[in-house]
Protein backbone atom coordinates (compact mmCIF):
# COMPACT_ATOMS: atom_id res chain seq x y z
CA UNK A 1 0.00 0.00 0.00
CA UNK A 2 1.40 3.40 -0.91
CA UNK A 3 1.60 6.29 1.55
CA UNK A 4 -1.20 8.19 -0.15
CA UNK A 5 -3.69 5.33 0.26
CA UNK A 6 -2.58 4.73 3.85
CA UNK A 7 -3.32 8.36 4.76
CA UNK A 8 -6.78 8.10 3.26
CA UNK A 9 -7.57 4.81 5.01
CA UNK A 10 -6.39 6.10 8.38
CA UNK A 11 -8.48 9.28 8.05
CA UNK A 12 -11.62 7.31 7.29
CA UNK A 13 -10.99 4.82 10.12
CA UNK A 14 -10.92 7.76 12.56
CA UNK A 15 -14.41 8.70 11.43
CA UNK A 16 -15.87 5.20 11.60
CA UNK A 17 -14.32 4.24 14.95
CA UNK A 18 -15.90 7.33 16.56
CA UNK A 19 -19.41 6.87 15.19
CA UNK A 20 -22.27 7.82 17.51
CA UNK A 21 -24.20 4.65 16.71
CA UNK A 22 -22.86 1.74 18.84
CA UNK A 23 -23.65 -0.82 16.13
CA UNK A 24 -21.67 1.22 13.60
CA UNK A 25 -18.74 1.45 16.02
CA UNK A 26 -18.82 -2.29 16.70
CA UNK A 27 -18.88 -3.15 13.02
CA UNK A 28 -16.09 -0.66 12.32
CA UNK A 29 -13.98 -2.19 15.12
CA UNK A 30 -14.39 -5.69 13.65
CA UNK A 31 -13.40 -4.49 10.19
CA UNK A 32 -10.53 -2.43 11.60
CA UNK A 33 -9.05 -5.43 13.43
CA UNK A 34 -9.14 -7.41 10.20
CA UNK A 35 -7.56 -4.51 8.34
CA UNK A 36 -4.77 -4.24 10.93
CA UNK A 37 -3.99 -7.95 10.67
CA UNK A 38 -3.45 -7.53 6.94
CA UNK A 39 -1.03 -4.63 7.46
CA UNK A 40 1.22 -5.36 10.49
CA UNK A 41 3.95 -3.20 8.97
CA UNK A 42 1.93 -0.07 9.80
CA UNK A 43 1.48 -0.79 13.51
CA UNK A 44 3.38 2.35 14.57
CA UNK A 45 1.24 4.67 12.48
CA UNK A 46 -1.91 2.87 13.64
CA UNK A 47 -1.01 3.36 17.30
CA UNK A 48 -0.57 7.08 16.69
CA UNK A 49 -3.90 7.21 14.88
CA UNK A 50 -5.74 5.48 17.73
CA UNK A 51 -4.21 7.83 20.30
CA UNK A 52 -5.27 10.78 18.16
CA UNK A 53 -8.79 9.39 17.77
CA UNK A 54 -9.21 8.85 21.53
CA UNK A 55 -7.94 12.36 22.25
CA UNK A 56 -10.36 13.92 19.79
CA UNK A 57 -13.28 11.92 21.14
CA UNK A 58 -12.50 13.00 24.70
CA UNK A 59 -12.24 16.64 23.69
CA UNK A 60 -15.55 16.41 21.88
CA UNK A 61 -17.27 14.88 24.91
CA UNK A 62 -15.65 17.25 27.38
CA UNK A 63 -16.36 20.46 25.49
CA UNK A 64 -19.65 19.60 23.78
CA UNK A 65 -18.71 20.75 20.29
CA UNK A 66 -21.55 19.83 17.94
CA UNK A 67 -20.64 17.38 15.19
CA UNK A 68 -22.89 19.33 12.81
CA UNK A 69 -20.52 22.32 13.12
CA UNK A 70 -17.68 20.04 12.20
CA UNK A 71 -19.52 18.73 9.17
CA UNK A 72 -20.07 22.21 7.81
CA UNK A 73 -16.38 23.06 8.08
CA UNK A 74 -14.89 19.89 6.65
CA UNK A 75 -14.08 20.32 2.98
CA UNK A 76 -14.04 16.63 2.05
CA UNK A 77 -15.93 16.75 -1.22
CA UNK A 78 -13.78 16.47 -4.32
CA UNK A 79 -10.58 16.33 -2.31
CA UNK A 80 -7.58 14.11 -2.82
CA UNK A 81 -6.60 11.59 -0.14
CA UNK A 82 -3.65 13.80 0.79
CA UNK A 83 -5.94 16.79 1.33
CA UNK A 84 -8.26 14.70 3.49
CA UNK A 85 -5.37 13.79 5.77
CA UNK A 86 -4.30 17.43 5.87
CA UNK A 87 -7.76 18.35 7.12
CA UNK A 88 -7.42 15.96 10.04
CA UNK A 89 -4.01 17.46 10.79
CA UNK A 90 -5.51 20.97 10.73
CA UNK A 91 -8.33 19.81 12.99
CA UNK A 92 -5.80 18.45 15.48
CA UNK A 93 -3.81 21.70 15.44
CA UNK A 94 -7.00 23.68 15.93
CA UNK A 95 -7.79 21.64 19.05
CA UNK A 96 -4.35 22.52 20.43
CA UNK A 97 -4.83 26.20 19.63
CA UNK A 98 -8.32 26.84 20.97
CA UNK A 99 -8.28 24.28 23.77
CA UNK A 100 -12.04 24.04 24.18
CA UNK A 101 -12.67 23.07 20.57
CA UNK A 102 -12.87 19.30 20.20
CA UNK A 103 -12.75 19.85 16.51
CA UNK A 104 -12.91 16.49 14.78
CA UNK A 105 -15.75 14.36 13.50
CA UNK A 106 -16.72 11.79 16.10
CA UNK A 107 -19.43 10.13 14.03
CA UNK A 108 -19.91 8.81 10.53
CA UNK A 109 -21.44 11.98 9.08
CA UNK A 110 -18.26 13.10 7.31
CA UNK A 111 -17.82 9.63 5.83
CA UNK A 112 -21.48 9.61 4.71
CA UNK A 113 -21.06 13.02 3.07
CA UNK A 114 -17.88 11.93 1.32
CA UNK A 115 -19.57 8.81 -0.10
CA UNK A 116 -22.96 10.38 -0.95
CA UNK A 117 -24.57 9.88 -4.36
CA UNK A 118 -25.11 13.61 -4.86
CA UNK A 119 -23.49 16.46 -2.94
CA UNK A 120 -22.64 20.12 -3.18
CA UNK A 121 -19.64 22.06 -1.93
CA UNK A 122 -19.49 25.06 0.40
CA UNK A 123 -21.60 27.92 -0.97
CA UNK A 124 -22.74 25.85 -3.95
CA UNK A 125 -26.32 25.11 -4.99
CA UNK A 126 -26.87 22.52 -7.70
CA UNK A 127 -29.83 20.79 -9.40
CA UNK A 128 -30.10 17.17 -10.51
CA UNK A 129 -32.65 14.98 -12.29
CA UNK A 130 -32.94 11.62 -10.58
CA UNK A 131 -33.44 8.32 -12.36
CA UNK A 132 -37.19 8.38 -11.68
CA UNK A 133 -37.53 11.85 -13.23
CA UNK A 134 -37.78 13.74 -9.94
CA UNK A 135 -36.05 17.12 -9.98
CA UNK A 136 -33.99 17.95 -6.91
CA UNK A 137 -31.91 20.96 -5.91
CA UNK A 138 -29.38 20.72 -3.09
CA UNK A 139 -28.46 23.70 -0.97
CA UNK A 140 -24.90 24.54 0.03
CA UNK A 141 -22.80 21.75 1.53
CA UNK A 142 -25.65 19.25 1.24
CA UNK A 143 -25.66 15.56 0.39
CA UNK A 144 -28.11 12.74 -0.32
CA UNK A 145 -27.96 8.99 -0.76
CA UNK A 146 -30.49 7.20 -2.95
CA UNK A 147 -32.23 3.96 -2.09
CA UNK A 148 -34.23 3.29 -5.25
CA UNK A 149 -35.56 -0.22 -5.82
CA UNK A 150 -38.44 -1.72 -7.82
CA UNK A 151 -40.65 -1.52 -4.73
CA UNK A 152 -39.47 1.75 -3.13
CA UNK A 153 -38.01 5.22 -3.62
CA UNK A 154 -36.16 6.66 -0.65
CA UNK A 155 -33.79 9.61 -0.46
CA UNK A 156 -31.63 9.80 2.66
CA UNK A 157 -30.76 13.41 3.46
CA UNK A 158 -27.23 13.06 4.82
CA UNK A 159 -26.92 16.75 5.62
CA UNK A 160 -28.05 20.14 4.43
CA UNK A 161 -31.14 21.23 2.55
CA UNK A 162 -33.09 20.02 -0.47
CA UNK A 163 -35.86 21.28 -2.72
CA UNK A 164 -37.67 18.55 -4.64
CA UNK A 165 -40.28 18.33 -7.37
CA UNK A 166 -41.39 14.70 -7.15
CA UNK A 167 -42.08 12.59 -10.23
CA UNK A 168 -45.35 10.66 -9.84
CA UNK A 169 -45.22 6.89 -9.34
CA UNK A 170 -48.34 5.44 -7.72
CA UNK A 171 -46.61 2.14 -6.99
CA UNK A 172 -43.56 3.73 -5.34
CA UNK A 173 -44.26 6.75 -3.14
CA UNK A 174 -41.10 8.79 -2.62
CA UNK A 175 -39.82 9.20 0.96
CA UNK A 176 -37.28 11.73 2.20
CA UNK A 177 -35.59 10.19 5.25
CA UNK A 178 -33.87 12.19 7.99
CA UNK A 179 -32.81 11.03 11.49
CA UNK A 180 -35.93 12.69 12.92
CA UNK A 181 -38.66 11.80 10.41
CA UNK A 182 -39.79 10.25 7.16
CA UNK A 183 -41.48 12.64 4.74
CA UNK A 184 -43.66 10.63 2.35
CA UNK A 185 -44.63 12.59 -0.73
CA UNK A 186 -48.35 12.60 -1.53
CA UNK A 187 -47.84 15.50 -3.91
CA UNK A 188 -44.99 17.31 -5.60
CA UNK A 189 -42.94 20.26 -4.35
CA UNK A 190 -41.48 20.76 -0.89
CA UNK A 191 -38.31 21.80 0.96
CA UNK A 192 -36.54 19.90 3.75
CA UNK A 193 -33.89 21.46 6.01
CA UNK A 194 -31.69 19.15 8.11
CA UNK A 195 -30.17 20.49 11.34
CA UNK A 196 -28.09 18.89 14.09
CA UNK A 197 -31.07 17.57 16.05
CA UNK A 198 -34.14 18.43 13.98
CA UNK A 199 -35.48 18.61 10.44
CA UNK A 200 -38.13 20.90 8.99
CA UNK A 201 -40.58 20.53 6.13
CA UNK A 202 -41.97 23.42 4.07
CA UNK A 203 -44.89 22.31 1.88
CA UNK A 204 -45.12 24.20 -1.43
CA UNK A 205 -47.62 22.10 -3.38
CA UNK A 206 -50.09 19.32 -2.51
CA UNK A 207 -49.24 17.41 0.71
CA UNK A 208 -46.74 15.20 2.55
CA UNK A 209 -47.26 12.53 5.20
CA UNK A 210 -44.79 13.14 8.02
CA UNK A 211 -43.95 10.33 10.45
CA UNK A 212 -41.73 10.97 13.46
CA UNK A 213 -38.76 8.69 14.08
CA UNK A 214 -38.92 9.47 17.80
CA UNK A 215 -40.53 7.36 20.48
CA UNK A 216 -43.99 8.74 19.72
CA UNK A 217 -43.94 7.68 16.04
CA UNK A 218 -46.47 10.44 15.50
CA UNK A 219 -47.96 10.93 12.04
CA UNK A 220 -49.32 14.14 10.53
CA UNK A 221 -50.29 15.15 7.00
CA UNK A 222 -48.85 18.54 6.07
CA UNK A 223 -50.79 20.43 3.43
CA UNK A 224 -49.75 23.05 0.89
CA UNK A 225 -48.87 26.30 2.66
CA UNK A 226 -47.91 24.58 5.92
CA UNK A 227 -44.67 23.70 7.74
CA UNK A 228 -43.64 21.31 10.49
CA UNK A 229 -40.55 20.44 12.54
CA UNK A 230 -39.47 16.97 13.69
CA UNK A 231 -37.06 16.32 16.55
CA UNK A 232 -36.35 13.70 19.21
CA UNK A 233 -39.58 14.58 21.04
CA UNK A 234 -41.73 14.05 17.96
CA UNK A 235 -43.56 16.46 15.67
CA UNK A 236 -44.28 20.13 16.30
CA UNK A 237 -47.63 21.76 15.70
CA UNK A 238 -48.27 22.50 12.03
CA UNK A 239 -47.69 26.18 11.24
CA UNK A 240 -48.62 28.44 8.34
CA UNK A 241 -46.10 28.92 5.53
CA UNK A 242 -45.87 31.86 3.14
CA UNK A 243 -45.17 29.98 -0.08
CA UNK A 244 -43.95 32.93 -2.22
CA UNK A 245 -41.56 33.98 0.56
CA UNK A 246 -40.25 30.42 0.97
CA UNK A 247 -39.72 30.03 -2.79
CA UNK A 248 -37.98 33.40 -3.09
CA UNK A 249 -35.76 32.73 -0.07
CA UNK A 250 -34.60 29.46 -1.63
CA UNK A 251 -33.84 31.10 -4.96
CA UNK A 252 -32.02 34.04 -3.34
CA UNK A 253 -29.96 31.92 -0.91
CA UNK A 254 -31.74 33.43 2.08
CA UNK A 255 -32.61 31.93 5.46
CA UNK A 256 -36.10 32.73 6.74
CA UNK A 257 -35.59 32.64 10.48
CA UNK A 258 -38.71 32.59 12.63
CA UNK A 259 -37.56 31.99 16.19
CA UNK A 260 -34.82 29.75 14.76
CA UNK A 261 -32.34 28.40 17.35
CA UNK A 262 -29.02 30.18 16.96
CA UNK A 263 -26.98 26.94 16.55
CA UNK A 264 -29.20 25.91 13.61
CA UNK A 265 -28.68 29.29 11.97
CA UNK A 266 -24.91 29.08 12.49
CA UNK A 267 -24.90 25.56 11.04
CA UNK A 268 -26.57 26.76 7.85
CA UNK A 269 -24.36 29.84 7.62
CA UNK A 270 -21.31 27.61 7.92
CA UNK A 271 -22.32 25.81 4.73
CA UNK A 272 -22.01 29.05 2.76
CA UNK A 273 -18.68 30.32 4.07
CA UNK A 274 -15.17 28.91 4.21
CA UNK A 275 -14.49 30.09 7.76
CA UNK A 276 -14.85 27.53 10.54
CA UNK A 277 -17.66 28.43 12.96
CA UNK A 278 -16.83 26.84 16.32
CA UNK A 279 -19.53 26.88 19.02
CA UNK A 280 -21.13 24.82 21.75
CA UNK A 281 -24.54 23.75 20.48
CA UNK A 282 -26.22 23.23 23.85
CA UNK A 283 -24.87 26.48 25.32
CA UNK A 284 -26.29 28.59 22.48
CA UNK A 285 -29.56 26.73 21.93
CA UNK A 286 -31.54 29.09 24.19
CA UNK A 287 -30.91 32.00 21.81
CA UNK A 288 -33.46 32.41 19.01
CA UNK A 289 -33.19 34.43 15.81
CA UNK A 290 -35.87 36.00 13.62
CA UNK A 291 -35.46 37.78 10.31
CA UNK A 292 -34.27 37.27 6.75
CA UNK A 293 -30.58 36.37 6.55
CA UNK A 294 -28.71 36.67 3.27
CA UNK A 295 -26.16 33.85 3.19
CA UNK A 296 -24.18 35.61 0.45
CA UNK A 297 -23.64 38.63 2.66
CA UNK A 298 -20.23 39.13 4.27
CA UNK A 299 -20.10 36.77 7.25
CA UNK A 300 -18.64 39.39 9.59
CA UNK A 301 -21.57 41.68 8.85
CA UNK A 302 -24.08 38.88 9.47
CA UNK A 303 -22.49 38.01 12.80
CA UNK A 304 -22.49 41.68 13.79
CA UNK A 305 -26.23 41.82 13.16
CA UNK A 306 -26.69 38.74 15.33
CA UNK A 307 -24.87 40.50 18.14
CA UNK A 308 -27.37 43.36 17.86
CA UNK A 309 -30.19 40.87 18.52
CA UNK A 310 -28.18 39.12 21.23
CA UNK A 311 -25.58 41.38 22.90
CA UNK A 312 -24.59 38.45 25.15
CA UNK A 313 -22.76 36.84 22.23
CA UNK A 314 -18.99 36.90 22.23
CA UNK A 315 -17.48 36.43 18.77
CA UNK A 316 -13.72 36.07 18.41
CA UNK A 317 -11.58 35.44 15.36
CA UNK A 318 -8.73 32.98 15.63
CA UNK A 319 -6.57 33.82 12.68
CA UNK A 320 -8.25 34.36 9.32
CA UNK A 321 -10.21 31.13 9.08
CA UNK A 322 -11.71 30.31 12.50
CA UNK A 323 -14.53 32.13 14.31
CA UNK A 324 -15.24 31.11 17.91
CA UNK A 325 -18.74 31.97 19.18
CA UNK A 326 -19.64 31.88 22.86
CA UNK A 327 -22.12 33.66 25.12
CA UNK A 328 -21.58 35.59 28.32
CA UNK A 329 -23.49 34.09 31.24
């Protein structure tokens, strides 16, 4: 195995061995042991990798850095194996520099993004026509995996946002799957936004059957001109949606924030800018934001406006590429 391939393999093992899902971690450990037995000559490098992985996991647990923030900063799409390894090196150095930032992916999200069927890069929006004729547009730094079979059509939203115009197929209803809910299309056009711990549906035409993945397994039908949020507790109340405003915001790369949790806003902003936004998700979740945010606007200006709404925020730049966001108690 050449050095280039070894760097790539080691970077991906770090991701898989720190997955949130215990079954994923167990399977990764089994495969990793088999992989190690085939390459005893790399034992020294593997020991260093495992020490690095354990350190990053501990930092992440200790300091509560949201993995979604990490996803939005990791430029893994269309990168060479050498660049991927460089990213992990940069992440390690960032941890040393900022101390509180456990800045490395501790779950499989980065791996899922890297291996997605369709994905966009930072700041990029792109449209695709799927094999069934459905038209889909992905927002910035978004990714999907397809599970299309003769008896089903399922799109797994790995991360980010999507706008879809569903092709009709009475025998195979199309389902958008997120960790919080399944959105079964009974009509055509809708938008789904995926956040760290929730997903939202904006219904533009016809209707969608929404089933919670939480313990309640609640089911609601969302009609045209309505919106709903799914999280670990279940489904929110259905709210009214201004369709023209939602359509225009999507086209203009705007975020319509209506009491949106600050971490969710920062997560979406991070997909449009190349700076790393480092923040503690739970510590900032009590702050809500309302207004129309232009993602193409200078990031410093956007963050300054957020500080007007919430003077408690403390925003510091670490060099030219890292922005650390905290709140005064």
